[in-house]
Amino acid sequence: MYVKRDERGHIQQVSREPTAECEEFLAADSRELLTFMMEGEGSEETTHFQASDLAFVRVLEDVIQLLMDKGVISFVELPEAAQEKVLERQRLRRRLVEGLDLVSSSDDEDDEII
């Protein structure tokens, strides 16, 4: 994601593509970007905690993917509820990375990582 900052260095605007205003790149799962996206959701402490949870969820997703890549576990061995959550997180992350397009006209599952 590409961001525009205000004079104090705070994120002011986000774009999936670099623009004249949004030139600085931040990873879609960076704490700073997640905090910006959750502004207004609660106190600063709550926002920080939620951003930390999201970052930790990403770590768990990466660990699950690594275990599957190494053949330690198979996706179908996960409980059905876990499979659904993994697939939903992948869809949400893909939409986020594609430019914060959280509302999509199609729900293509062909692009799933698993």
PDB file of N, CA and C in Angstrom:
ATOM      1  N   MET A   1       0.831  -1.150   0.000  1.00  0.00           N
ATOM      2  CA  MET A   1       0.000   0.000   0.000  1.00  0.00           C
ATOM      3  C   MET A   1       0.897   1.241   0.000  1.00  0.00           C
ATOM      4  N   TYR A   2       0.396   2.281  -0.590  1.00  0.00           N
ATOM      5  CA  TYR A   2       1.134   3.541  -0.658  1.00  0.00           C
ATOM      6  C   TYR A   2       0.384   4.578   0.165  1.00  0.00           C
ATOM      7  N   VAL A   3       1.132   5.355   0.932  1.00  0.00           N
ATOM      8  CA  VAL A   3       0.493   6.279   1.857  1.00  0.00           C
ATOM      9  C   VAL A   3       0.949   7.713   1.626  1.00  0.00           C
ATOM     10  N   LYS A   4       0.086   8.610   2.045  1.00  0.00           N
ATOM     11  CA  LYS A   4       0.390  10.041   2.110  1.00  0.00           C
ATOM     12  C   LYS A   4       0.362  10.397   3.583  1.00  0.00           C
ATOM     13  N   ARG A   5       1.341  11.152   4.037  1.00  0.00           N
ATOM     14  CA  ARG A   5       1.418  11.550   5.446  1.00  0.00           C
ATOM     15  C   ARG A   5       1.141  13.037   5.594  1.00  0.00           C
ATOM     16  N   ASP A   6       0.662  13.405   6.779  1.00  0.00           N
ATOM     17  CA  ASP A   6       0.469  14.821   7.073  1.00  0.00           C
ATOM     18  C   ASP A   6       1.788  15.411   7.572  1.00  0.00           C
ATOM     19  N   GLU A   7       1.770  16.680   7.944  1.00  0.00           N
ATOM     20  CA  GLU A   7       2.996  17.356   8.366  1.00  0.00           C
ATOM     21  C   GLU A   7       3.592  16.772   9.646  1.00  0.00           C
ATOM     22  N   ARG A   8       2.791  16.048  10.421  1.00  0.00           N
ATOM     23  CA  ARG A   8       3.293  15.409  11.654  1.00  0.00           C
ATOM     24  C   ARG A   8       3.760  13.976  11.410  1.00  0.00           C
ATOM     25  N   GLY A   9       3.648  13.496  10.158  1.00  0.00           N
ATOM     26  CA  GLY A   9       4.100  12.151   9.833  1.00  0.00           C
ATOM     27  C   GLY A   9       3.049  11.076   9.989  1.00  0.00           C
ATOM     28  N   HIS A  10       1.810  11.482  10.282  1.00  0.00           N
ATOM     29  CA  HIS A  10       0.725  10.516  10.433  1.00  0.00           C
ATOM     30  C   HIS A  10       0.123  10.186   9.065  1.00  0.00           C
ATOM     31  N   ILE A  11      -0.282   8.941   8.907  1.00  0.00           N
ATOM     32  CA  ILE A  11      -0.910   8.541   7.646  1.00  0.00           C
ATOM     33  C   ILE A  11      -2.202   9.325   7.471  1.00  0.00           C
ATOM     34  N   GLN A  12      -2.374   9.864   6.290  1.00  0.00           N
ATOM     35  CA  GLN A  12      -3.539  10.674   5.979  1.00  0.00           C
ATOM     36  C   GLN A  12      -4.382  10.038   4.876  1.00  0.00           C
ATOM     37  N   GLN A  13      -3.725   9.314   3.961  1.00  0.00           N
ATOM     38  CA  GLN A  13      -4.412   8.737   2.814  1.00  0.00           C
ATOM     39  C   GLN A  13      -3.687   7.459   2.410  1.00  0.00           C
ATOM     40  N   VAL A  14      -4.449   6.487   1.863  1.00  0.00           N
ATOM     41  CA  VAL A  14      -3.882   5.208   1.436  1.00  0.00           C
ATOM     42  C   VAL A  14      -4.327   4.920   0.006  1.00  0.00           C
ATOM     43  N   SER A  15      -3.406   4.360  -0.777  1.00  0.00           N
ATOM     44  CA  SER A  15      -3.712   3.975  -2.154  1.00  0.00           C
ATOM     45  C   SER A  15      -3.035   2.646  -2.451  1.00  0.00           C
ATOM     46  N   ARG A  16      -3.669   1.833  -3.279  1.00  0.00           N
ATOM     47  CA  ARG A  16      -3.020   0.567  -3.629  1.00  0.00           C
ATOM     48  C   ARG A  16      -1.943   0.776  -4.683  1.00  0.00           C
ATOM     49  N   GLU A  17      -2.002   1.877  -5.405  1.00  0.00           N
ATOM     50  CA  GLU A  17      -1.026   2.206  -6.438  1.00  0.00           C
ATOM     51  C   GLU A  17      -0.290   3.481  -6.025  1.00  0.00           C
ATOM     52  N   PRO A  18       0.964   3.619  -6.423  1.00  0.00           N
ATOM     53  CA  PRO A  18       1.655   4.877  -6.132  1.00  0.00           C
ATOM     54  C   PRO A  18       1.010   6.015  -6.931  1.00  0.00           C
ATOM     55  N   THR A  19       0.840   7.135  -6.278  1.00  0.00           N
ATOM     56  CA  THR A  19       0.288   8.325  -6.928  1.00  0.00           C
ATOM     57  C   THR A  19       1.187   9.503  -6.586  1.00  0.00           C
ATOM     58  N   ALA A  20       0.870  10.652  -7.146  1.00  0.00           N
ATOM     59  CA  ALA A  20       1.648  11.850  -6.836  1.00  0.00           C
ATOM     60  C   ALA A  20       1.572  12.164  -5.342  1.00  0.00           C
ATOM     61  N   GLU A  21       0.447  11.850  -4.712  1.00  0.00           N
ATOM     62  CA  GLU A  21       0.283  12.119  -3.282  1.00  0.00           C
ATOM     63  C   GLU A  21       0.741  10.958  -2.413  1.00  0.00           C
ATOM     64  N   CYS A  22       0.546   9.734  -2.869  1.00  0.00           N
ATOM     65  CA  CYS A  22       0.864   8.533  -2.088  1.00  0.00           C
ATOM     66  C   CYS A  22       2.071   7.835  -2.702  1.00  0.00           C
ATOM     67  N   GLU A  23       3.246   8.189  -2.224  1.00  0.00           N
ATOM     68  CA  GLU A  23       4.476   7.646  -2.791  1.00  0.00           C
ATOM     69  C   GLU A  23       5.177   6.662  -1.867  1.00  0.00           C
ATOM     70  N   GLU A  24       4.938   6.751  -0.554  1.00  0.00           N
ATOM     71  CA  GLU A  24       5.645   5.899   0.402  1.00  0.00           C
ATOM     72  C   GLU A  24       4.966   4.538   0.508  1.00  0.00           C
ATOM     73  N   PHE A  25       5.729   3.464   0.353  1.00  0.00           N
ATOM     74  CA  PHE A  25       5.193   2.111   0.430  1.00  0.00           C
ATOM     75  C   PHE A  25       5.211   1.602   1.866  1.00  0.00           C
ATOM     76  N   LEU A  26       4.096   0.987   2.278  1.00  0.00           N
ATOM     77  CA  LEU A  26       4.005   0.269   3.554  1.00  0.00           C
ATOM     78  C   LEU A  26       3.395  -1.096   3.265  1.00  0.00           C
ATOM     79  N   ALA A  27       3.883  -2.120   3.939  1.00  0.00           N
ATOM     80  CA  ALA A  27       3.295  -3.452   3.798  1.00  0.00           C
ATOM     81  C   ALA A  27       1.846  -3.398   4.262  1.00  0.00           C
ATOM     82  N   ALA A  28       0.983  -4.144   3.584  1.00  0.00           N
ATOM     83  CA  ALA A  28      -0.447  -4.123   3.900  1.00  0.00           C
ATOM     84  C   ALA A  28      -0.730  -4.569   5.315  1.00  0.00           C
ATOM     85  N   ASP A  29       0.166  -5.354   5.912  1.00  0.00           N
ATOM     86  CA  ASP A  29      -0.066  -5.819   7.269  1.00  0.00           C
ATOM     87  C   ASP A  29       0.800  -5.095   8.302  1.00  0.00           C
ATOM     88  N   SER A  30       1.344  -3.923   7.925  1.00  0.00           N
ATOM     89  CA  SER A  30       2.163  -3.175   8.879  1.00  0.00           C
ATOM     90  C   SER A  30       1.289  -2.641  10.011  1.00  0.00           C
ATOM     91  N   ARG A  31       1.863  -2.590  11.192  1.00  0.00           N
ATOM     92  CA  ARG A  31       1.126  -2.127  12.365  1.00  0.00           C
ATOM     93  C   ARG A  31       0.583  -0.714  12.155  1.00  0.00           C
ATOM     94  N   GLU A  32       1.413   0.143  11.583  1.00  0.00           N
ATOM     95  CA  GLU A  32       1.016   1.535  11.380  1.00  0.00           C
ATOM     96  C   GLU A  32      -0.192   1.638  10.448  1.00  0.00           C
ATOM     97  N   LEU A  33      -0.179   0.865   9.360  1.00  0.00           N
ATOM     98  CA  LEU A  33      -1.295   0.891   8.421  1.00  0.00           C
ATOM     99  C   LEU A  33      -2.552   0.294   9.045  1.00  0.00           C
ATOM    100  N   LEU A  34      -2.403  -0.816   9.765  1.00  0.00           N
ATOM    101  CA  LEU A  34      -3.557  -1.427  10.433  1.00  0.00           C
ATOM    102  C   LEU A  34      -4.159  -0.472  11.463  1.00  0.00           C
ATOM    103  N   THR A  35      -3.310   0.221  12.204  1.00  0.00           N
ATOM    104  CA  THR A  35      -3.792   1.184  13.192  1.00  0.00           C
ATOM    105  C   THR A  35      -4.566   2.301  12.502  1.00  0.00           C
ATOM    106  N   PHE A  36      -4.029   2.810  11.388  1.00  0.00           N
ATOM    107  CA  PHE A  36      -4.723   3.858  10.633  1.00  0.00           C
ATOM    108  C   PHE A  36      -6.095   3.370  10.175  1.00  0.00           C
ATOM    109  N   MET A  37      -6.148   2.152   9.675  1.00  0.00           N
ATOM    110  CA  MET A  37      -7.403   1.614   9.155  1.00  0.00           C
ATOM    111  C   MET A  37      -8.439   1.387  10.257  1.00  0.00           C
ATOM    112  N   MET A  38      -7.970   1.206  11.484  1.00  0.00           N
ATOM    113  CA  MET A  38      -8.895   0.949  12.587  1.00  0.00           C
ATOM    114  C   MET A  38      -9.185   2.201  13.407  1.00  0.00           C
ATOM    115  N   GLU A  39      -8.728   3.370  12.968  1.00  0.00           N
ATOM    116  CA  GLU A  39      -8.999   4.611  13.693  1.00  0.00           C
ATOM    117  C   GLU A  39     -10.489   4.772  13.900  1.00  0.00           C
ATOM    118  N   GLY A  40     -10.852   5.259  15.049  1.00  0.00           N
ATOM    119  CA  GLY A  40     -12.255   5.458  15.351  1.00  0.00           C
ATOM    120  C   GLY A  40     -12.922   4.209  15.903  1.00  0.00           C
ATOM    121  N   GLU A  41     -12.166   3.111  15.969  1.00  0.00           N
ATOM    122  CA  GLU A  41     -12.726   1.855  16.468  1.00  0.00           C
ATOM    123  C   GLU A  41     -12.672   1.778  17.988  1.00  0.00           C
ATOM    124  N   GLY A  42     -11.998   2.699  18.640  1.00  0.00           N
ATOM    125  CA  GLY A  42     -11.896   2.648  20.087  1.00  0.00           C
ATOM    126  C   GLY A  42     -10.713   3.459  20.562  1.00  0.00           C
ATOM    127  N   SER A  43     -10.314   3.218  21.792  1.00  0.00           N
ATOM    128  CA  SER A  43      -9.195   3.949  22.371  1.00  0.00           C
ATOM    129  C   SER A  43      -7.896   3.550  21.688  1.00  0.00           C
ATOM    130  N   GLU A  44      -6.856   4.344  21.913  1.00  0.00           N
ATOM    131  CA  GLU A  44      -5.549   4.040  21.323  1.00  0.00           C
ATOM    132  C   GLU A  44      -5.043   2.697  21.821  1.00  0.00           C
ATOM    133  N   GLU A  45      -5.256   2.410  23.095  1.00  0.00           N
ATOM    134  CA  GLU A  45      -4.817   1.133  23.661  1.00  0.00           C
ATOM    135  C   GLU A  45      -5.552  -0.035  23.001  1.00  0.00           C
ATOM    136  N   THR A  46      -6.855   0.116  22.803  1.00  0.00           N
ATOM    137  CA  THR A  46      -7.641  -0.932  22.145  1.00  0.00           C
ATOM    138  C   THR A  46      -7.183  -1.108  20.710  1.00  0.00           C
ATOM    139  N   THR A  47      -6.953  -0.008  20.021  1.00  0.00           N
ATOM    140  CA  THR A  47      -6.500  -0.062  18.640  1.00  0.00           C
ATOM    141  C   THR A  47      -5.147  -0.766  18.551  1.00  0.00           C
ATOM    142  N   HIS A  48      -4.241  -0.434  19.461  1.00  0.00           N
ATOM    143  CA  HIS A  48      -2.923  -1.076  19.473  1.00  0.00           C
ATOM    144  C   HIS A  48      -3.076  -2.577  19.721  1.00  0.00           C
ATOM    145  N   PHE A  49      -3.940  -2.949  20.655  1.00  0.00           N
ATOM    146  CA  PHE A  49      -4.160  -4.366  20.964  1.00  0.00           C
ATOM    147  C   PHE A  49      -4.729  -5.091  19.747  1.00  0.00           C
ATOM    148  N   GLN A  50      -5.687  -4.474  19.067  1.00  0.00           N
ATOM    149  CA  GLN A  50      -6.289  -5.099  17.885  1.00  0.00           C
ATOM    150  C   GLN A  50      -5.261  -5.225  16.765  1.00  0.00           C
ATOM    151  N   ALA A  51      -4.425  -4.218  16.588  1.00  0.00           N
ATOM    152  CA  ALA A  51      -3.380  -4.286  15.569  1.00  0.00           C
ATOM    153  C   ALA A  51      -2.396  -5.404  15.899  1.00  0.00           C
ATOM    154  N   SER A  52      -2.080  -5.549  17.181  1.00  0.00           N
ATOM    155  CA  SER A  52      -1.197  -6.623  17.619  1.00  0.00           C
ATOM    156  C   SER A  52      -1.824  -7.986  17.347  1.00  0.00           C
ATOM    157  N   ASP A  53      -3.112  -8.119  17.621  1.00  0.00           N
ATOM    158  CA  ASP A  53      -3.820  -9.379  17.332  1.00  0.00           C
ATOM    159  C   ASP A  53      -3.755  -9.703  15.849  1.00  0.00           C
ATOM    160  N   LEU A  54      -3.999  -8.702  15.010  1.00  0.00           N
ATOM    161  CA  LEU A  54      -3.983  -8.941  13.568  1.00  0.00           C
ATOM    162  C   LEU A  54      -2.590  -9.347  13.097  1.00  0.00           C
ATOM    163  N   ALA A  55      -1.580  -8.718  13.645  1.00  0.00           N
ATOM    164  CA  ALA A  55      -0.217  -9.083  13.269  1.00  0.00           C
ATOM    165  C   ALA A  55       0.101 -10.505  13.717  1.00  0.00           C
ATOM    166  N   PHE A  56      -0.381 -10.885  14.896  1.00  0.00           N
ATOM    167  CA  PHE A  56      -0.140 -12.234  15.393  1.00  0.00           C
ATOM    168  C   PHE A  56      -0.901 -13.265  14.573  1.00  0.00           C
ATOM    169  N   VAL A  57      -2.104 -12.926  14.153  1.00  0.00           N
ATOM    170  CA  VAL A  57      -2.872 -13.819  13.284  1.00  0.00           C
ATOM    171  C   VAL A  57      -2.086 -14.071  12.003  1.00  0.00           C
ATOM    172  N   ARG A  58      -1.449 -13.050  11.479  1.00  0.00           N
ATOM    173  CA  ARG A  58      -0.644 -13.208  10.265  1.00  0.00           C
ATOM    174  C   ARG A  58       0.492 -14.189  10.513  1.00  0.00           C
ATOM    175  N   VAL A  59       1.116 -14.111  11.683  1.00  0.00           N
ATOM    176  CA  VAL A  59       2.185 -15.054  12.029  1.00  0.00           C
ATOM    177  C   VAL A  59       1.632 -16.479  12.027  1.00  0.00           C
ATOM    178  N   LEU A  60       0.476 -16.664  12.634  1.00  0.00           N
ATOM    179  CA  LEU A  60      -0.127 -18.001  12.671  1.00  0.00           C
ATOM    180  C   LEU A  60      -0.466 -18.500  11.266  1.00  0.00           C
ATOM    181  N   GLU A  61      -0.972 -17.621  10.434  1.00  0.00           N
ATOM    182  CA  GLU A  61      -1.261 -18.005   9.048  1.00  0.00           C
ATOM    183  C   GLU A  61       0.017 -18.458   8.349  1.00  0.00           C
ATOM    184  N   ASP A  62       1.096 -17.721   8.553  1.00  0.00           N
ATOM    185  CA  ASP A  62       2.365 -18.077   7.919  1.00  0.00           C
ATOM    186  C   ASP A  62       2.880 -19.417   8.436  1.00  0.00           C
ATOM    187  N   VAL A  63       2.717 -19.680   9.740  1.00  0.00           N
ATOM    188  CA  VAL A  63       3.149 -20.956  10.318  1.00  0.00           C
ATOM    189  C   VAL A  63       2.327 -22.106   9.732  1.00  0.00           C
ATOM    190  N   ILE A  64       1.021 -21.924   9.632  1.00  0.00           N
ATOM    191  CA  ILE A  64       0.159 -22.960   9.041  1.00  0.00           C
ATOM    192  C   ILE A  64       0.591 -23.227   7.607  1.00  0.00           C
ATOM    193  N   GLN A  65       0.833 -22.161   6.834  1.00  0.00           N
ATOM    194  CA  GLN A  65       1.251 -22.330   5.440  1.00  0.00           C
ATOM    195  C   GLN A  65       2.588 -23.049   5.349  1.00  0.00           C
ATOM    196  N   LEU A  66       3.525 -22.689   6.219  1.00  0.00           N
ATOM    197  CA  LEU A  66       4.832 -23.336   6.230  1.00  0.00           C
ATOM    198  C   LEU A  66       4.699 -24.822   6.537  1.00  0.00           C
ATOM    199  N   LEU A  67       3.899 -25.171   7.526  1.00  0.00           N
ATOM    200  CA  LEU A  67       3.692 -26.582   7.874  1.00  0.00           C
ATOM    201  C   LEU A  67       3.070 -27.349   6.712  1.00  0.00           C
ATOM    202  N   MET A  68       2.150 -26.713   5.999  1.00  0.00           N
ATOM    203  CA  MET A  68       1.545 -27.368   4.838  1.00  0.00           C
ATOM    204  C   MET A  68       2.564 -27.504   3.706  1.00  0.00           C
ATOM    205  N   ASP A  69       3.361 -26.455   3.475  1.00  0.00           N
ATOM    206  CA  ASP A  69       4.379 -26.500   2.422  1.00  0.00           C
ATOM    207  C   ASP A  69       5.398 -27.611   2.671  1.00  0.00           C
ATOM    208  N   LYS A  70       5.721 -27.848   3.930  1.00  0.00           N
ATOM    209  CA  LYS A  70       6.699 -28.871   4.286  1.00  0.00           C
ATOM    210  C   LYS A  70       6.064 -30.263   4.401  1.00  0.00           C
ATOM    211  N   GLY A  71       4.758 -30.343   4.230  1.00  0.00           N
ATOM    212  CA  GLY A  71       4.083 -31.633   4.292  1.00  0.00           C
ATOM    213  C   GLY A  71       3.857 -32.158   5.702  1.00  0.00           C
ATOM    214  N   VAL A  72       4.036 -31.304   6.698  1.00  0.00           N
ATOM    215  CA  VAL A  72       3.820 -31.718   8.079  1.00  0.00           C
ATOM    216  C   VAL A  72       2.329 -31.910   8.352  1.00  0.00           C
ATOM    217  N   ILE A  73       1.519 -31.007   7.805  1.00  0.00           N
ATOM    218  CA  ILE A  73       0.067 -31.126   7.907  1.00  0.00           C
ATOM    219  C   ILE A  73      -0.538 -30.891   6.531  1.00  0.00           C
ATOM    220  N   SER A  74      -1.738 -31.365   6.371  1.00  0.00           N
ATOM    221  CA  SER A  74      -2.490 -31.139   5.142  1.00  0.00           C
ATOM    222  C   SER A  74      -3.663 -30.230   5.470  1.00  0.00           C
ATOM    223  N   PHE A  75      -4.021 -29.372   4.526  1.00  0.00           N
ATOM    224  CA  PHE A  75      -5.137 -28.454   4.742  1.00  0.00           C
ATOM    225  C   PHE A  75      -6.395 -29.200   5.164  1.00  0.00           C
ATOM    226  N   VAL A  76      -6.653 -30.348   4.543  1.00  0.00           N
ATOM    227  CA  VAL A  76      -7.882 -31.100   4.846  1.00  0.00           C
ATOM    228  C   VAL A  76      -7.841 -31.747   6.223  1.00  0.00           C
ATOM    229  N   GLU A  77      -6.672 -31.784   6.864  1.00  0.00           N
ATOM    230  CA  GLU A  77      -6.568 -32.310   8.231  1.00  0.00           C
ATOM    231  C   GLU A  77      -7.024 -31.279   9.269  1.00  0.00           C
ATOM    232  N   LEU A  78      -7.058 -30.026   8.869  1.00  0.00           N
ATOM    233  CA  LEU A  78      -7.529 -28.999   9.792  1.00  0.00           C
ATOM    234  C   LEU A  78      -9.027 -29.186  10.020  1.00  0.00           C
ATOM    235  N   PRO A  79      -9.510 -28.854  11.209  1.00  0.00           N
ATOM    236  CA  PRO A  79     -10.961 -28.910  11.429  1.00  0.00           C
ATOM    237  C   PRO A  79     -11.674 -28.013  10.421  1.00  0.00           C
ATOM    238  N   GLU A  80     -12.890 -28.366  10.071  1.00  0.00           N
ATOM    239  CA  GLU A  80     -13.634 -27.613   9.048  1.00  0.00           C
ATOM    240  C   GLU A  80     -13.720 -26.131   9.391  1.00  0.00           C
ATOM    241  N   ALA A  81     -13.961 -25.818  10.664  1.00  0.00           N
ATOM    242  CA  ALA A  81     -14.055 -24.412  11.072  1.00  0.00           C
ATOM    243  C   ALA A  81     -12.726 -23.692  10.823  1.00  0.00           C
ATOM    244  N   ALA A  82     -11.614 -24.368  11.073  1.00  0.00           N
ATOM    245  CA  ALA A  82     -10.297 -23.770  10.838  1.00  0.00           C
ATOM    246  C   ALA A  82     -10.070 -23.568   9.338  1.00  0.00           C
ATOM    247  N   GLN A  83     -10.481 -24.544   8.525  1.00  0.00           N
ATOM    248  CA  GLN A  83     -10.342 -24.405   7.075  1.00  0.00           C
ATOM    249  C   GLN A  83     -11.098 -23.177   6.592  1.00  0.00           C
ATOM    250  N   GLU A  84     -12.317 -23.008   7.074  1.00  0.00           N
ATOM    251  CA  GLU A  84     -13.135 -21.862   6.662  1.00  0.00           C
ATOM    252  C   GLU A  84     -12.469 -20.547   7.059  1.00  0.00           C
ATOM    253  N   LYS A  85     -11.911 -20.511   8.263  1.00  0.00           N
ATOM    254  CA  LYS A  85     -11.261 -19.282   8.726  1.00  0.00           C
ATOM    255  C   LYS A  85     -10.003 -18.983   7.923  1.00  0.00           C
ATOM    256  N   VAL A  86      -9.230 -19.996   7.597  1.00  0.00           N
ATOM    257  CA  VAL A  86      -8.023 -19.792   6.791  1.00  0.00           C
ATOM    258  C   VAL A  86      -8.406 -19.246   5.418  1.00  0.00           C
ATOM    259  N   LEU A  87      -9.408 -19.851   4.794  1.00  0.00           N
ATOM    260  CA  LEU A  87      -9.840 -19.394   3.473  1.00  0.00           C
ATOM    261  C   LEU A  87     -10.392 -17.969   3.528  1.00  0.00           C
ATOM    262  N   GLU A  88     -11.158 -17.660   4.561  1.00  0.00           N
ATOM    263  CA  GLU A  88     -11.708 -16.311   4.695  1.00  0.00           C
ATOM    264  C   GLU A  88     -10.594 -15.282   4.891  1.00  0.00           C
ATOM    265  N   ARG A  89      -9.595 -15.605   5.711  1.00  0.00           N
ATOM    266  CA  ARG A  89      -8.468 -14.686   5.927  1.00  0.00           C
ATOM    267  C   ARG A  89      -7.713 -14.456   4.620  1.00  0.00           C
ATOM    268  N   GLN A  90      -7.543 -15.508   3.824  1.00  0.00           N
ATOM    269  CA  GLN A  90      -6.850 -15.354   2.548  1.00  0.00           C
ATOM    270  C   GLN A  90      -7.633 -14.435   1.622  1.00  0.00           C
ATOM    271  N   ARG A  91      -8.946 -14.607   1.579  1.00  0.00           N
ATOM    272  CA  ARG A  91      -9.777 -13.733   0.740  1.00  0.00           C
ATOM    273  C   ARG A  91      -9.682 -12.287   1.218  1.00  0.00           C
ATOM    274  N   LEU A  92      -9.774 -12.077   2.516  1.00  0.00           N
ATOM    275  CA  LEU A  92      -9.708 -10.716   3.053  1.00  0.00           C
ATOM    276  C   LEU A  92      -8.353 -10.081   2.799  1.00  0.00           C
ATOM    277  N   ARG A  93      -7.280 -10.833   3.006  1.00  0.00           N
ATOM    278  CA  ARG A  93      -5.945 -10.272   2.776  1.00  0.00           C
ATOM    279  C   ARG A  93      -5.762  -9.944   1.305  1.00  0.00           C
ATOM    280  N   ARG A  94      -6.229 -10.826   0.415  1.00  0.00           N
ATOM    281  CA  ARG A  94      -6.094 -10.565  -1.014  1.00  0.00           C
ATOM    282  C   ARG A  94      -6.812  -9.269  -1.382  1.00  0.00           C
ATOM    283  N   ARG A  95      -7.999  -9.070  -0.820  1.00  0.00           N
ATOM    284  CA  ARG A  95      -8.738  -7.833  -1.113  1.00  0.00           C
ATOM    285  C   ARG A  95      -8.008  -6.622  -0.563  1.00  0.00           C
ATOM    286  N   LEU A  96      -7.437  -6.762   0.617  1.00  0.00           N
ATOM    287  CA  LEU A  96      -6.689  -5.660   1.218  1.00  0.00           C
ATOM    288  C   LEU A  96      -5.481  -5.315   0.361  1.00  0.00           C
ATOM    289  N   VAL A  97      -4.753  -6.311  -0.043  1.00  0.00           N
ATOM    290  CA  VAL A  97      -3.562  -6.090  -0.848  1.00  0.00           C
ATOM    291  C   VAL A  97      -3.928  -5.526  -2.212  1.00  0.00           C
ATOM    292  N   GLU A  98      -5.080  -5.875  -2.717  1.00  0.00           N
ATOM    293  CA  GLU A  98      -5.506  -5.379  -4.022  1.00  0.00           C
ATOM    294  C   GLU A  98      -6.046  -3.957  -3.942  1.00  0.00           C
ATOM    295  N   GLY A  99      -5.922  -3.326  -2.805  1.00  0.00           N
ATOM    296  CA  GLY A  99      -6.252  -1.907  -2.730  1.00  0.00           C
ATOM    297  C   GLY A  99      -7.392  -1.563  -1.823  1.00  0.00           C
ATOM    298  N   LEU A 100      -7.509  -2.279  -0.736  1.00  0.00           N
ATOM    299  CA  LEU A 100      -8.561  -1.989   0.229  1.00  0.00           C
ATOM    300  C   LEU A 100      -9.937  -2.102  -0.403  1.00  0.00           C
ATOM    301  N   ASP A 101     -10.052  -2.916  -1.433  1.00  0.00           N
ATOM    302  CA  ASP A 101     -11.327  -3.147  -2.110  1.00  0.00           C
ATOM    303  C   ASP A 101     -12.075  -4.228  -1.337  1.00  0.00           C
ATOM    304  N   LEU A 102     -12.644  -3.844  -0.200  1.00  0.00           N
ATOM    305  CA  LEU A 102     -13.278  -4.816   0.677  1.00  0.00           C
ATOM    306  C   LEU A 102     -14.636  -5.266   0.182  1.00  0.00           C
ATOM    307  N   VAL A 103     -15.194  -4.574  -0.778  1.00  0.00           N
ATOM    308  CA  VAL A 103     -16.454  -4.992  -1.381  1.00  0.00           C
ATOM    309  C   VAL A 103     -16.138  -5.386  -2.808  1.00  0.00           C
ATOM    310  N   SER A 104     -16.384  -6.650  -3.130  1.00  0.00           N
ATOM    311  CA  SER A 104     -16.037  -7.148  -4.451  1.00  0.00           C
ATOM    312  C   SER A 104     -17.274  -7.664  -5.147  1.00  0.00           C
ATOM    313  N   SER A 105     -17.310  -7.532  -6.458  1.00  0.00           N
ATOM    314  CA  SER A 105     -18.458  -8.005  -7.220  1.00  0.00           C
ATOM    315  C   SER A 105     -18.418  -9.504  -7.402  1.00  0.00           C
ATOM    316  N   SER A 106     -17.247 -10.118  -7.216  1.00  0.00           N
ATOM    317  CA  SER A 106     -17.153 -11.572  -7.304  1.00  0.00           C
ATOM    318  C   SER A 106     -16.329 -12.085  -6.141  1.00  0.00           C
ATOM    319  N   ASP A 107     -16.543 -13.313  -5.814  1.00  0.00           N
ATOM    320  CA  ASP A 107     -15.850 -13.933  -4.695  1.00  0.00           C
ATOM    321  C   ASP A 107     -15.032 -15.086  -5.232  1.00  0.00           C
ATOM    322  N   ASP A 108     -14.135 -14.811  -6.171  1.00  0.00           N
ATOM    323  CA  ASP A 108     -13.346 -15.854  -6.805  1.00  0.00           C
ATOM    324  C   ASP A 108     -12.521 -16.594  -5.775  1.00  0.00           C
ATOM    325  N   GLU A 109     -12.669 -17.906  -5.758  1.00  0.00           N
ATOM    326  CA  GLU A 109     -11.869 -18.713  -4.849  1.00  0.00           C
ATOM    327  C   GLU A 109     -10.764 -19.428  -5.609  1.00  0.00           C
ATOM    328  N   ASP A 110     -10.628 -19.144  -6.916  1.00  0.00           N
ATOM    329  CA  ASP A 110      -9.598 -19.784  -7.711  1.00  0.00           C
ATOM    330  C   ASP A 110      -8.202 -19.317  -7.320  1.00  0.00           C
ATOM    331  N   ASP A 111      -8.112 -18.151  -6.690  1.00  0.00           N
ATOM    332  CA  ASP A 111      -6.819 -17.576  -6.352  1.00  0.00           C
ATOM    333  C   ASP A 111      -6.338 -17.997  -4.963  1.00  0.00           C
ATOM    334  N   GLU A 112      -7.010 -18.928  -4.326  1.00  0.00           N
ATOM    335  CA  GLU A 112      -6.641 -19.338  -2.981  1.00  0.00           C
ATOM    336  C   GLU A 112      -5.207 -19.883  -2.972  1.00  0.00           C
ATOM    337  N   ILE A 113      -4.494 -19.607  -1.903  1.00  0.00           N
ATOM    338  CA  ILE A 113      -3.113 -20.055  -1.743  1.00  0.00           C
ATOM    339  C   ILE A 113      -3.067 -21.557  -1.532  1.00  0.00           C
ATOM    340  N   ILE A 114      -4.050 -22.064  -0.854  1.00  0.00           N
ATOM    341  CA  ILE A 114      -4.048 -23.482  -0.475  1.00  0.00           C
ATOM    342  C   ILE A 114      -4.578 -24.343  -1.594  1.00  0.00           C
TER     343      ILE A 114
END
